[in-house]
Amino acid sequence: MKIAITAHGEDRQATVDSRFGRADYFVLYDQENDTWDTVPNTQNLEAAHGAGIQAGQSLAKTGASVLITGNVGPKAFKVVNAANIAMYSIGTMNGTVEEALAAFLAGKLTLITAPETK
């Protein structure tokens, strides 16, 4: 299983990013192979609109089956959900990617079942 975590940096020591569409990076952990990879999300950092949709499409291409993030908007939620990627919330966590992964594996994160509406 591949697990994607939104992050401010490129490795597992990076701080978790609570934004999905405008996250700096997706740090990916491949549980089967015990390997780490990073996918930049730079194309969406300055996007006027559609950042969440584009980020969702990029994430779907990685083969991830789990997303750990903070907030997922309505349009991004539809894209990620359609790709059969389960979404989990980091809540108020400000830790590292590695800490977020540990919290997920310990069953401490909440499944996101509806998009964030403001």
PDB file of N, CA and C in Angstrom:
ATOM      1  N   MET A   1       0.848  -1.179   0.000  1.00  0.00           N
ATOM      2  CA  MET A   1       0.000   0.000   0.000  1.00  0.00           C
ATOM      3  C   MET A   1       0.894   1.243   0.000  1.00  0.00           C
ATOM      4  N   LYS A   2       0.543   2.199  -0.850  1.00  0.00           N
ATOM      5  CA  LYS A   2       1.245   3.483  -0.878  1.00  0.00           C
ATOM      6  C   LYS A   2       0.434   4.513  -0.095  1.00  0.00           C
ATOM      7  N   ILE A   3       1.135   5.234   0.769  1.00  0.00           N
ATOM      8  CA  ILE A   3       0.510   6.227   1.625  1.00  0.00           C
ATOM      9  C   ILE A   3       1.130   7.584   1.292  1.00  0.00           C
ATOM     10  N   ALA A   4       0.296   8.555   0.907  1.00  0.00           N
ATOM     11  CA  ALA A   4       0.760   9.901   0.565  1.00  0.00           C
ATOM     12  C   ALA A   4       0.469  10.841   1.733  1.00  0.00           C
ATOM     13  N   ILE A   5       1.452  11.675   2.053  1.00  0.00           N
ATOM     14  CA  ILE A   5       1.306  12.627   3.146  1.00  0.00           C
ATOM     15  C   ILE A   5       1.681  14.004   2.614  1.00  0.00           C
ATOM     16  N   THR A   6       0.806  14.985   2.796  1.00  0.00           N
ATOM     17  CA  THR A   6       1.110  16.343   2.337  1.00  0.00           C
ATOM     18  C   THR A   6       2.172  16.934   3.254  1.00  0.00           C
ATOM     19  N   ALA A   7       3.176  17.588   2.644  1.00  0.00           N
ATOM     20  CA  ALA A   7       4.317  18.055   3.421  1.00  0.00           C
ATOM     21  C   ALA A   7       4.885  19.372   2.912  1.00  0.00           C
ATOM     22  N   HIS A   8       5.580  20.061   3.824  1.00  0.00           N
ATOM     23  CA  HIS A   8       6.271  21.307   3.485  1.00  0.00           C
ATOM     24  C   HIS A   8       7.660  21.035   2.913  1.00  0.00           C
ATOM     25  N   GLY A   9       8.154  19.823   3.026  1.00  0.00           N
ATOM     26  CA  GLY A   9       9.482  19.463   2.538  1.00  0.00           C
ATOM     27  C   GLY A   9       9.462  18.164   1.785  1.00  0.00           C
ATOM     28  N   GLU A  10      10.658  17.705   1.401  1.00  0.00           N
ATOM     29  CA  GLU A  10      10.780  16.578   0.487  1.00  0.00           C
ATOM     30  C   GLU A  10      11.060  15.230   1.129  1.00  0.00           C
ATOM     31  N   ASP A  11      11.103  15.148   2.464  1.00  0.00           N
ATOM     32  CA  ASP A  11      11.422  13.857   3.064  1.00  0.00           C
ATOM     33  C   ASP A  11      10.571  13.594   4.299  1.00  0.00           C
ATOM     34  N   ARG A  12      10.797  12.480   4.925  1.00  0.00           N
ATOM     35  CA  ARG A  12       9.956  12.066   6.045  1.00  0.00           C
ATOM     36  C   ARG A  12      10.170  12.888   7.309  1.00  0.00           C
ATOM     37  N   GLN A  13      11.201  13.713   7.326  1.00  0.00           N
ATOM     38  CA  GLN A  13      11.430  14.608   8.467  1.00  0.00           C
ATOM     39  C   GLN A  13      10.764  15.975   8.257  1.00  0.00           C
ATOM     40  N   ALA A  14      10.154  16.181   7.105  1.00  0.00           N
ATOM     41  CA  ALA A  14       9.479  17.446   6.794  1.00  0.00           C
ATOM     42  C   ALA A  14       8.232  17.596   7.654  1.00  0.00           C
ATOM     43  N   THR A  15       7.827  18.833   7.875  1.00  0.00           N
ATOM     44  CA  THR A  15       6.613  19.119   8.615  1.00  0.00           C
ATOM     45  C   THR A  15       5.403  18.826   7.735  1.00  0.00           C
ATOM     46  N   VAL A  16       4.390  18.239   8.322  1.00  0.00           N
ATOM     47  CA  VAL A  16       3.156  17.941   7.608  1.00  0.00           C
ATOM     48  C   VAL A  16       2.486  19.252   7.190  1.00  0.00           C
ATOM     49  N   ASP A  17       1.950  19.289   5.978  1.00  0.00           N
ATOM     50  CA  ASP A  17       1.222  20.450   5.455  1.00  0.00           C
ATOM     51  C   ASP A  17      -0.271  20.141   5.554  1.00  0.00           C
ATOM     52  N   SER A  18      -1.015  21.011   6.230  1.00  0.00           N
ATOM     53  CA  SER A  18      -2.452  20.756   6.407  1.00  0.00           C
ATOM     54  C   SER A  18      -3.258  21.045   5.141  1.00  0.00           C
ATOM     55  N   ARG A  19      -2.623  21.703   4.172  1.00  0.00           N
ATOM     56  CA  ARG A  19      -3.316  21.997   2.910  1.00  0.00           C
ATOM     57  C   ARG A  19      -3.153  20.809   1.964  1.00  0.00           C
ATOM     58  N   PHE A  20      -4.164  20.537   1.196  1.00  0.00           N
ATOM     59  CA  PHE A  20      -4.034  19.485   0.190  1.00  0.00           C
ATOM     60  C   PHE A  20      -3.656  20.083  -1.158  1.00  0.00           C
ATOM     61  N   GLY A  21      -4.535  20.875  -1.736  1.00  0.00           N
ATOM     62  CA  GLY A  21      -4.326  21.398  -3.083  1.00  0.00           C
ATOM     63  C   GLY A  21      -3.077  22.252  -3.242  1.00  0.00           C
ATOM     64  N   ARG A  22      -2.710  22.970  -2.204  1.00  0.00           N
ATOM     65  CA  ARG A  22      -1.543  23.850  -2.269  1.00  0.00           C
ATOM     66  C   ARG A  22      -0.381  23.371  -1.403  1.00  0.00           C
ATOM     67  N   ALA A  23      -0.400  22.094  -1.061  1.00  0.00           N
ATOM     68  CA  ALA A  23       0.730  21.512  -0.327  1.00  0.00           C
ATOM     69  C   ALA A  23       1.974  21.607  -1.193  1.00  0.00           C
ATOM     70  N   ASP A  24       3.116  21.784  -0.555  1.00  0.00           N
ATOM     71  CA  ASP A  24       4.373  21.873  -1.310  1.00  0.00           C
ATOM     72  C   ASP A  24       4.733  20.544  -1.975  1.00  0.00           C
ATOM     73  N   TYR A  25       4.555  19.455  -1.218  1.00  0.00           N
ATOM     74  CA  TYR A  25       4.954  18.122  -1.703  1.00  0.00           C
ATOM     75  C   TYR A  25       3.977  17.060  -1.222  1.00  0.00           C
ATOM     76  N   PHE A  26       3.999  15.939  -1.918  1.00  0.00           N
ATOM     77  CA  PHE A  26       3.394  14.698  -1.443  1.00  0.00           C
ATOM     78  C   PHE A  26       4.570  13.773  -1.155  1.00  0.00           C
ATOM     79  N   VAL A  27       4.731  13.394   0.094  1.00  0.00           N
ATOM     80  CA  VAL A  27       5.761  12.429   0.453  1.00  0.00           C
ATOM     81  C   VAL A  27       5.066  11.073   0.505  1.00  0.00           C
ATOM     82  N   LEU A  28       5.591  10.121  -0.241  1.00  0.00           N
ATOM     83  CA  LEU A  28       4.957   8.812  -0.396  1.00  0.00           C
ATOM     84  C   LEU A  28       5.751   7.729   0.315  1.00  0.00           C
ATOM     85  N   TYR A  29       5.029   6.937   1.081  1.00  0.00           N
ATOM     86  CA  TYR A  29       5.635   5.773   1.719  1.00  0.00           C
ATOM     87  C   TYR A  29       5.032   4.525   1.104  1.00  0.00           C
ATOM     88  N   ASP A  30       5.887   3.666   0.559  1.00  0.00           N
ATOM     89  CA  ASP A  30       5.458   2.392  -0.019  1.00  0.00           C
ATOM     90  C   ASP A  30       5.643   1.331   1.061  1.00  0.00           C
ATOM     91  N   GLN A  31       4.540   0.942   1.667  1.00  0.00           N
ATOM     92  CA  GLN A  31       4.587   0.021   2.795  1.00  0.00           C
ATOM     93  C   GLN A  31       5.120  -1.350   2.387  1.00  0.00           C
ATOM     94  N   GLU A  32       4.786  -1.797   1.201  1.00  0.00           N
ATOM     95  CA  GLU A  32       5.213  -3.113   0.727  1.00  0.00           C
ATOM     96  C   GLU A  32       6.728  -3.201   0.574  1.00  0.00           C
ATOM     97  N   ASN A  33       7.329  -2.134   0.032  1.00  0.00           N
ATOM     98  CA  ASN A  33       8.770  -2.132  -0.225  1.00  0.00           C
ATOM     99  C   ASN A  33       9.574  -1.373   0.832  1.00  0.00           C
ATOM    100  N   ASP A  34       8.884  -0.743   1.797  1.00  0.00           N
ATOM    101  CA  ASP A  34       9.518   0.062   2.843  1.00  0.00           C
ATOM    102  C   ASP A  34      10.432   1.133   2.225  1.00  0.00           C
ATOM    103  N   THR A  35       9.863   1.874   1.247  1.00  0.00           N
ATOM    104  CA  THR A  35      10.630   2.930   0.577  1.00  0.00           C
ATOM    105  C   THR A  35       9.862   4.252   0.616  1.00  0.00           C
ATOM    106  N   TRP A  36      10.594   5.340   0.456  1.00  0.00           N
ATOM    107  CA  TRP A  36      10.036   6.692   0.457  1.00  0.00           C
ATOM    108  C   TRP A  36      10.287   7.351  -0.886  1.00  0.00           C
ATOM    109  N   ASP A  37       9.373   8.197  -1.313  1.00  0.00           N
ATOM    110  CA  ASP A  37       9.507   8.950  -2.561  1.00  0.00           C
ATOM    111  C   ASP A  37       8.820  10.295  -2.357  1.00  0.00           C
ATOM    112  N   THR A  38       9.107  11.230  -3.231  1.00  0.00           N
ATOM    113  CA  THR A  38       8.497  12.552  -3.132  1.00  0.00           C
ATOM    114  C   THR A  38       8.000  12.999  -4.490  1.00  0.00           C
ATOM    115  N   VAL A  39       6.802  13.603  -4.493  1.00  0.00           N
ATOM    116  CA  VAL A  39       6.237  14.187  -5.705  1.00  0.00           C
ATOM    117  C   VAL A  39       5.993  15.667  -5.416  1.00  0.00           C
ATOM    118  N   PRO A  40       6.659  16.558  -6.162  1.00  0.00           N
ATOM    119  CA  PRO A  40       6.410  17.986  -5.944  1.00  0.00           C
ATOM    120  C   PRO A  40       5.013  18.380  -6.420  1.00  0.00           C
ATOM    121  N   ASN A  41       4.432  19.345  -5.732  1.00  0.00           N
ATOM    122  CA  ASN A  41       3.112  19.857  -6.098  1.00  0.00           C
ATOM    123  C   ASN A  41       3.240  21.330  -6.504  1.00  0.00           C
ATOM    124  N   THR A  42       4.395  21.696  -7.014  1.00  0.00           N
ATOM    125  CA  THR A  42       4.712  23.097  -7.308  1.00  0.00           C
ATOM    126  C   THR A  42       3.791  23.736  -8.336  1.00  0.00           C
ATOM    127  N   GLN A  43       3.231  22.954  -9.241  1.00  0.00           N
ATOM    128  CA  GLN A  43       2.362  23.520 -10.268  1.00  0.00           C
ATOM    129  C   GLN A  43       1.110  24.132  -9.667  1.00  0.00           C
ATOM    130  N   ASN A  44       0.775  23.763  -8.432  1.00  0.00           N
ATOM    131  CA  ASN A  44      -0.454  24.249  -7.818  1.00  0.00           C
ATOM    132  C   ASN A  44      -0.256  25.319  -6.751  1.00  0.00           C
ATOM    133  N   LEU A  45       0.980  25.628  -6.421  1.00  0.00           N
ATOM    134  CA  LEU A  45       1.242  26.583  -5.346  1.00  0.00           C
ATOM    135  C   LEU A  45       0.686  27.968  -5.645  1.00  0.00           C
ATOM    136  N   GLU A  46       0.786  28.394  -6.889  1.00  0.00           N
ATOM    137  CA  GLU A  46       0.340  29.737  -7.269  1.00  0.00           C
ATOM    138  C   GLU A  46      -0.890  29.718  -8.172  1.00  0.00           C
ATOM    139  N   ALA A  47      -1.524  28.562  -8.302  1.00  0.00           N
ATOM    140  CA  ALA A  47      -2.691  28.457  -9.178  1.00  0.00           C
ATOM    141  C   ALA A  47      -3.820  29.367  -8.687  1.00  0.00           C
ATOM    142  N   ALA A  48      -4.423  30.090  -9.610  1.00  0.00           N
ATOM    143  CA  ALA A  48      -5.524  30.985  -9.255  1.00  0.00           C
ATOM    144  C   ALA A  48      -6.749  30.190  -8.808  1.00  0.00           C
ATOM    145  N   HIS A  49      -6.983  29.070  -9.445  1.00  0.00           N
ATOM    146  CA  HIS A  49      -8.098  28.190  -9.092  1.00  0.00           C
ATOM    147  C   HIS A  49      -7.819  26.798  -9.609  1.00  0.00           C
ATOM    148  N   GLY A  50      -8.528  25.815  -9.084  1.00  0.00           N
ATOM    149  CA  GLY A  50      -8.373  24.430  -9.542  1.00  0.00           C
ATOM    150  C   GLY A  50      -7.202  23.683  -8.933  1.00  0.00           C
ATOM    151  N   ALA A  51      -6.562  24.259  -7.900  1.00  0.00           N
ATOM    152  CA  ALA A  51      -5.390  23.613  -7.301  1.00  0.00           C
ATOM    153  C   ALA A  51      -5.739  22.235  -6.738  1.00  0.00           C
ATOM    154  N   GLY A  52      -6.871  22.132  -6.074  1.00  0.00           N
ATOM    155  CA  GLY A  52      -7.261  20.864  -5.474  1.00  0.00           C
ATOM    156  C   GLY A  52      -7.543  19.781  -6.498  1.00  0.00           C
ATOM    157  N   ILE A  53      -8.196  20.166  -7.579  1.00  0.00           N
ATOM    158  CA  ILE A  53      -8.494  19.206  -8.653  1.00  0.00           C
ATOM    159  C   ILE A  53      -7.200  18.699  -9.272  1.00  0.00           C
ATOM    160  N   GLN A  54      -6.300  19.626  -9.591  1.00  0.00           N
ATOM    161  CA  GLN A  54      -5.021  19.243 -10.197  1.00  0.00           C
ATOM    162  C   GLN A  54      -4.178  18.402  -9.246  1.00  0.00           C
ATOM    163  N   ALA A  55      -4.173  18.766  -7.968  1.00  0.00           N
ATOM    164  CA  ALA A  55      -3.429  17.990  -6.981  1.00  0.00           C
ATOM    165  C   ALA A  55      -4.014  16.580  -6.874  1.00  0.00           C
ATOM    166  N   GLY A  56      -5.332  16.473  -6.909  1.00  0.00           N
ATOM    167  CA  GLY A  56      -5.992  15.170  -6.863  1.00  0.00           C
ATOM    168  C   GLY A  56      -5.618  14.301  -8.052  1.00  0.00           C
ATOM    169  N   GLN A  57      -5.561  14.912  -9.218  1.00  0.00           N
ATOM    170  CA  GLN A  57      -5.175  14.176 -10.417  1.00  0.00           C
ATOM    171  C   GLN A  57      -3.720  13.716 -10.333  1.00  0.00           C
ATOM    172  N   SER A  58      -2.848  14.591  -9.842  1.00  0.00           N
ATOM    173  CA  SER A  58      -1.433  14.226  -9.670  1.00  0.00           C
ATOM    174  C   SER A  58      -1.286  13.090  -8.670  1.00  0.00           C
ATOM    175  N   LEU A  59      -2.024  13.188  -7.569  1.00  0.00           N
ATOM    176  CA  LEU A  59      -1.956  12.160  -6.534  1.00  0.00           C
ATOM    177  C   LEU A  59      -2.430  10.820  -7.074  1.00  0.00           C
ATOM    178  N   ALA A  60      -3.510  10.818  -7.846  1.00  0.00           N
ATOM    179  CA  ALA A  60      -4.047   9.572  -8.408  1.00  0.00           C
ATOM    180  C   ALA A  60      -3.003   8.855  -9.263  1.00  0.00           C
ATOM    181  N   LYS A  61      -2.156   9.604  -9.949  1.00  0.00           N
ATOM    182  CA  LYS A  61      -1.127   9.014 -10.814  1.00  0.00           C
ATOM    183  C   LYS A  61      -0.017   8.316 -10.029  1.00  0.00           C
ATOM    184  N   THR A  62       0.107   8.613  -8.733  1.00  0.00           N
ATOM    185  CA  THR A  62       1.177   8.020  -7.925  1.00  0.00           C
ATOM    186  C   THR A  62       0.872   6.586  -7.503  1.00  0.00           C
ATOM    187  N   GLY A  63      -0.394   6.197  -7.580  1.00  0.00           N
ATOM    188  CA  GLY A  63      -0.780   4.870  -7.143  1.00  0.00           C
ATOM    189  C   GLY A  63      -1.060   4.787  -5.646  1.00  0.00           C
ATOM    190  N   ALA A  64      -1.120   5.934  -4.985  1.00  0.00           N
ATOM    191  CA  ALA A  64      -1.413   5.949  -3.552  1.00  0.00           C
ATOM    192  C   ALA A  64      -2.825   5.459  -3.293  1.00  0.00           C
ATOM    193  N   SER A  65      -3.005   4.751  -2.192  1.00  0.00           N
ATOM    194  CA  SER A  65      -4.342   4.309  -1.813  1.00  0.00           C
ATOM    195  C   SER A  65      -4.816   5.013  -0.548  1.00  0.00           C
ATOM    196  N   VAL A  66      -3.910   5.773   0.091  1.00  0.00           N
ATOM    197  CA  VAL A  66      -4.238   6.533   1.296  1.00  0.00           C
ATOM    198  C   VAL A  66      -3.617   7.920   1.183  1.00  0.00           C
ATOM    199  N   LEU A  67      -4.373   8.929   1.606  1.00  0.00           N
ATOM    200  CA  LEU A  67      -3.891  10.306   1.691  1.00  0.00           C
ATOM    201  C   LEU A  67      -4.027  10.769   3.130  1.00  0.00           C
ATOM    202  N   ILE A  68      -2.934  11.313   3.668  1.00  0.00           N
ATOM    203  CA  ILE A  68      -2.954  11.914   4.995  1.00  0.00           C
ATOM    204  C   ILE A  68      -2.724  13.406   4.803  1.00  0.00           C
ATOM    205  N   THR A  69      -3.684  14.220   5.220  1.00  0.00           N
ATOM    206  CA  THR A  69      -3.625  15.661   5.012  1.00  0.00           C
ATOM    207  C   THR A  69      -4.489  16.356   6.063  1.00  0.00           C
ATOM    208  N   GLY A  70      -4.686  17.636   5.878  1.00  0.00           N
ATOM    209  CA  GLY A  70      -5.548  18.379   6.788  1.00  0.00           C
ATOM    210  C   GLY A  70      -6.934  18.540   6.215  1.00  0.00           C
ATOM    211  N   ASN A  71      -7.049  19.434   5.245  1.00  0.00           N
ATOM    212  CA  ASN A  71      -8.343  19.761   4.658  1.00  0.00           C
ATOM    213  C   ASN A  71      -8.386  19.406   3.177  1.00  0.00           C
ATOM    214  N   VAL A  72      -9.533  18.904   2.745  1.00  0.00           N
ATOM    215  CA  VAL A  72      -9.761  18.597   1.331  1.00  0.00           C
ATOM    216  C   VAL A  72     -11.064  19.280   0.939  1.00  0.00           C
ATOM    217  N   GLY A  73     -10.984  20.184  -0.028  1.00  0.00           N
ATOM    218  CA  GLY A  73     -12.168  20.907  -0.487  1.00  0.00           C
ATOM    219  C   GLY A  73     -13.096  20.033  -1.306  1.00  0.00           C
ATOM    220  N   PRO A  74     -14.296  20.553  -1.616  1.00  0.00           N
ATOM    221  CA  PRO A  74     -15.316  19.755  -2.310  1.00  0.00           C
ATOM    222  C   PRO A  74     -14.890  19.191  -3.667  1.00  0.00           C
ATOM    223  N   LYS A  75     -14.272  20.001  -4.514  1.00  0.00           N
ATOM    224  CA  LYS A  75     -13.892  19.518  -5.849  1.00  0.00           C
ATOM    225  C   LYS A  75     -12.739  18.519  -5.761  1.00  0.00           C
ATOM    226  N   ALA A  76     -11.768  18.809  -4.912  1.00  0.00           N
ATOM    227  CA  ALA A  76     -10.652  17.878  -4.720  1.00  0.00           C
ATOM    228  C   ALA A  76     -11.146  16.574  -4.109  1.00  0.00           C
ATOM    229  N   PHE A  77     -12.078  16.671  -3.171  1.00  0.00           N
ATOM    230  CA  PHE A  77     -12.638  15.481  -2.536  1.00  0.00           C
ATOM    231  C   PHE A  77     -13.230  14.545  -3.585  1.00  0.00           C
ATOM    232  N   LYS A  78     -13.968  15.101  -4.536  1.00  0.00           N
ATOM    233  CA  LYS A  78     -14.582  14.282  -5.590  1.00  0.00           C
ATOM    234  C   LYS A  78     -13.523  13.547  -6.407  1.00  0.00           C
ATOM    235  N   VAL A  79     -12.441  14.260  -6.762  1.00  0.00           N
ATOM    236  CA  VAL A  79     -11.378  13.658  -7.572  1.00  0.00           C
ATOM    237  C   VAL A  79     -10.664  12.553  -6.800  1.00  0.00           C
ATOM    238  N   VAL A  80     -10.291  12.832  -5.565  1.00  0.00           N
ATOM    239  CA  VAL A  80      -9.560  11.857  -4.746  1.00  0.00           C
ATOM    240  C   VAL A  80     -10.456  10.660  -4.426  1.00  0.00           C
ATOM    241  N   ASN A  81     -11.693  10.927  -4.096  1.00  0.00           N
ATOM    242  CA  ASN A  81     -12.641   9.851  -3.800  1.00  0.00           C
ATOM    243  C   ASN A  81     -12.875   8.972  -5.028  1.00  0.00           C
ATOM    244  N   ALA A  82     -12.995   9.585  -6.197  1.00  0.00           N
ATOM    245  CA  ALA A  82     -13.202   8.838  -7.442  1.00  0.00           C
ATOM    246  C   ALA A  82     -12.006   7.941  -7.766  1.00  0.00           C
ATOM    247  N   ALA A  83     -10.821   8.330  -7.290  1.00  0.00           N
ATOM    248  CA  ALA A  83      -9.607   7.532  -7.503  1.00  0.00           C
ATOM    249  C   ALA A  83      -9.463   6.432  -6.440  1.00  0.00           C
ATOM    250  N   ASN A  84     -10.490   6.289  -5.600  1.00  0.00           N
ATOM    251  CA  ASN A  84     -10.491   5.280  -4.535  1.00  0.00           C
ATOM    252  C   ASN A  84      -9.325   5.432  -3.566  1.00  0.00           C
ATOM    253  N   ILE A  85      -9.004   6.689  -3.250  1.00  0.00           N
ATOM    254  CA  ILE A  85      -7.957   6.983  -2.279  1.00  0.00           C
ATOM    255  C   ILE A  85      -8.647   7.380  -0.969  1.00  0.00           C
ATOM    256  N   ALA A  86      -8.387   6.625   0.079  1.00  0.00           N
ATOM    257  CA  ALA A  86      -8.951   6.932   1.396  1.00  0.00           C
ATOM    258  C   ALA A  86      -8.227   8.146   1.965  1.00  0.00           C
ATOM    259  N   MET A  87      -8.971   9.073   2.553  1.00  0.00           N
ATOM    260  CA  MET A  87      -8.403  10.315   3.082  1.00  0.00           C
ATOM    261  C   MET A  87      -8.494  10.328   4.596  1.00  0.00           C
ATOM    262  N   TYR A  88      -7.392  10.695   5.244  1.00  0.00           N
ATOM    263  CA  TYR A  88      -7.338  10.766   6.698  1.00  0.00           C
ATOM    264  C   TYR A  88      -6.848  12.145   7.117  1.00  0.00           C
ATOM    265  N   SER A  89      -7.437  12.654   8.193  1.00  0.00           N
ATOM    266  CA  SER A  89      -7.108  13.987   8.681  1.00  0.00           C
ATOM    267  C   SER A  89      -6.028  13.947   9.748  1.00  0.00           C
ATOM    268  N   ILE A  90      -5.087  14.869   9.645  1.00  0.00           N
ATOM    269  CA  ILE A  90      -4.056  15.011  10.669  1.00  0.00           C
ATOM    270  C   ILE A  90      -4.572  15.830  11.847  1.00  0.00           C
ATOM    271  N   GLY A  91      -5.762  16.412  11.691  1.00  0.00           N
ATOM    272  CA  GLY A  91      -6.330  17.228  12.763  1.00  0.00           C
ATOM    273  C   GLY A  91      -5.456  18.432  13.043  1.00  0.00           C
ATOM    274  N   THR A  92      -5.056  18.596  14.281  1.00  0.00           N
ATOM    275  CA  THR A  92      -4.232  19.742  14.666  1.00  0.00           C
ATOM    276  C   THR A  92      -2.748  19.392  14.739  1.00  0.00           C
ATOM    277  N   MET A  93      -2.389  18.219  14.257  1.00  0.00           N
ATOM    278  CA  MET A  93      -0.996  17.775  14.308  1.00  0.00           C
ATOM    279  C   MET A  93      -0.083  18.702  13.510  1.00  0.00           C
ATOM    280  N   ASN A  94       1.032  19.076  14.096  1.00  0.00           N
ATOM    281  CA  ASN A  94       2.043  19.893  13.415  1.00  0.00           C
ATOM    282  C   ASN A  94       3.372  19.165  13.340  1.00  0.00           C
ATOM    283  N   GLY A  95       3.329  17.850  13.405  1.00  0.00           N
ATOM    284  CA  GLY A  95       4.553  17.062  13.453  1.00  0.00           C
ATOM    285  C   GLY A  95       5.146  16.786  12.082  1.00  0.00           C
ATOM    286  N   THR A  96       6.001  15.797  12.059  1.00  0.00           N
ATOM    287  CA  THR A  96       6.683  15.415  10.827  1.00  0.00           C
ATOM    288  C   THR A  96       5.855  14.402  10.040  1.00  0.00           C
ATOM    289  N   VAL A  97       6.263  14.192   8.816  1.00  0.00           N
ATOM    290  CA  VAL A  97       5.637  13.190   7.951  1.00  0.00           C
ATOM    291  C   VAL A  97       5.722  11.822   8.624  1.00  0.00           C
ATOM    292  N   GLU A  98       6.878  11.516   9.186  1.00  0.00           N
ATOM    293  CA  GLU A  98       7.073  10.230   9.845  1.00  0.00           C
ATOM    294  C   GLU A  98       6.128  10.062  11.040  1.00  0.00           C
ATOM    295  N   GLU A  99       5.908  11.142  11.796  1.00  0.00           N
ATOM    296  CA  GLU A  99       4.980  11.091  12.933  1.00  0.00           C
ATOM    297  C   GLU A  99       3.537  10.908  12.461  1.00  0.00           C
ATOM    298  N   ALA A 100       3.182  11.561  11.351  1.00  0.00           N
ATOM    299  CA  ALA A 100       1.834  11.404  10.789  1.00  0.00           C
ATOM    300  C   ALA A 100       1.618   9.968  10.318  1.00  0.00           C
ATOM    301  N   LEU A 101       2.625   9.380   9.698  1.00  0.00           N
ATOM    302  CA  LEU A 101       2.531   7.989   9.261  1.00  0.00           C
ATOM    303  C   LEU A 101       2.350   7.071  10.467  1.00  0.00           C
ATOM    304  N   ALA A 102       3.121   7.296  11.515  1.00  0.00           N
ATOM    305  CA  ALA A 102       3.017   6.472  12.722  1.00  0.00           C
ATOM    306  C   ALA A 102       1.619   6.583  13.333  1.00  0.00           C
ATOM    307  N   ALA A 103       1.059   7.799  13.353  1.00  0.00           N
ATOM    308  CA  ALA A 103      -0.289   8.004  13.886  1.00  0.00           C
ATOM    309  C   ALA A 103      -1.317   7.256  13.041  1.00  0.00           C
ATOM    310  N   PHE A 104      -1.152   7.288  11.719  1.00  0.00           N
ATOM    311  CA  PHE A 104      -2.059   6.562  10.833  1.00  0.00           C
ATOM    312  C   PHE A 104      -1.974   5.053  11.083  1.00  0.00           C
ATOM    313  N   LEU A 105      -0.755   4.531  11.125  1.00  0.00           N
ATOM    314  CA  LEU A 105      -0.570   3.092  11.301  1.00  0.00           C
ATOM    315  C   LEU A 105      -1.075   2.616  12.664  1.00  0.00           C
ATOM    316  N   ALA A 106      -1.090   3.524  13.645  1.00  0.00           N
ATOM    317  CA  ALA A 106      -1.598   3.199  14.981  1.00  0.00           C
ATOM    318  C   ALA A 106      -3.111   3.394  15.083  1.00  0.00           C
ATOM    319  N   GLY A 107      -3.738   3.821  13.976  1.00  0.00           N
ATOM    320  CA  GLY A 107      -5.190   4.004  13.961  1.00  0.00           C
ATOM    321  C   GLY A 107      -5.655   5.258  14.685  1.00  0.00           C
ATOM    322  N   LYS A 108      -4.790   6.256  14.791  1.00  0.00           N
ATOM    323  CA  LYS A 108      -5.126   7.467  15.540  1.00  0.00           C
ATOM    324  C   LYS A 108      -5.669   8.614  14.686  1.00  0.00           C
ATOM    325  N   LEU A 109      -5.701   8.456  13.368  1.00  0.00           N
ATOM    326  CA  LEU A 109      -6.201   9.519  12.500  1.00  0.00           C
ATOM    327  C   LEU A 109      -7.656   9.257  12.122  1.00  0.00           C
ATOM    328  N   THR A 110      -8.368  10.337  11.848  1.00  0.00           N
ATOM    329  CA  THR A 110      -9.792  10.256  11.514  1.00  0.00           C
ATOM    330  C   THR A 110      -9.991  10.186  10.004  1.00  0.00           C
ATOM    331  N   LEU A 111     -10.822   9.256   9.569  1.00  0.00           N
ATOM    332  CA  LEU A 111     -11.163   9.129   8.155  1.00  0.00           C
ATOM    333  C   LEU A 111     -11.969  10.354   7.724  1.00  0.00           C
ATOM    334  N   ILE A 112     -11.594  10.951   6.603  1.00  0.00           N
ATOM    335  CA  ILE A 112     -12.326  12.088   6.047  1.00  0.00           C
ATOM    336  C   ILE A 112     -13.435  11.515   5.167  1.00  0.00           C
ATOM    337  N   THR A 113     -14.684  11.762   5.559  1.00  0.00           N
ATOM    338  CA  THR A 113     -15.822  11.203   4.831  1.00  0.00           C
ATOM    339  C   THR A 113     -16.611  12.245   4.057  1.00  0.00           C
ATOM    340  N   ALA A 114     -16.249  13.503   4.246  1.00  0.00           N
ATOM    341  CA  ALA A 114     -16.935  14.605   3.553  1.00  0.00           C
ATOM    342  C   ALA A 114     -15.931  15.731   3.336  1.00  0.00           C
ATOM    343  N   PRO A 115     -16.127  16.528   2.284  1.00  0.00           N
ATOM    344  CA  PRO A 115     -15.201  17.623   2.025  1.00  0.00           C
ATOM    345  C   PRO A 115     -15.299  18.730   3.063  1.00  0.00           C
ATOM    346  N   GLU A 116     -14.225  19.472   3.192  1.00  0.00           N
ATOM    347  CA  GLU A 116     -14.187  20.651   4.065  1.00  0.00           C
ATOM    348  C   GLU A 116     -14.967  21.760   3.390  1.00  0.00           C
ATOM    349  N   THR A 117     -15.885  22.354   4.100  1.00  0.00           N
ATOM    350  CA  THR A 117     -16.633  23.497   3.569  1.00  0.00           C
ATOM    351  C   THR A 117     -16.419  24.673   4.492  1.00  0.00           C
ATOM    352  N   LYS A 118     -16.184  25.816   3.887  1.00  0.00           N
ATOM    353  CA  LYS A 118     -15.902  27.018   4.701  1.00  0.00           C
ATOM    354  C   LYS A 118     -17.004  28.023   4.569  1.00  0.00           C
TER     355      LYS A 118
END
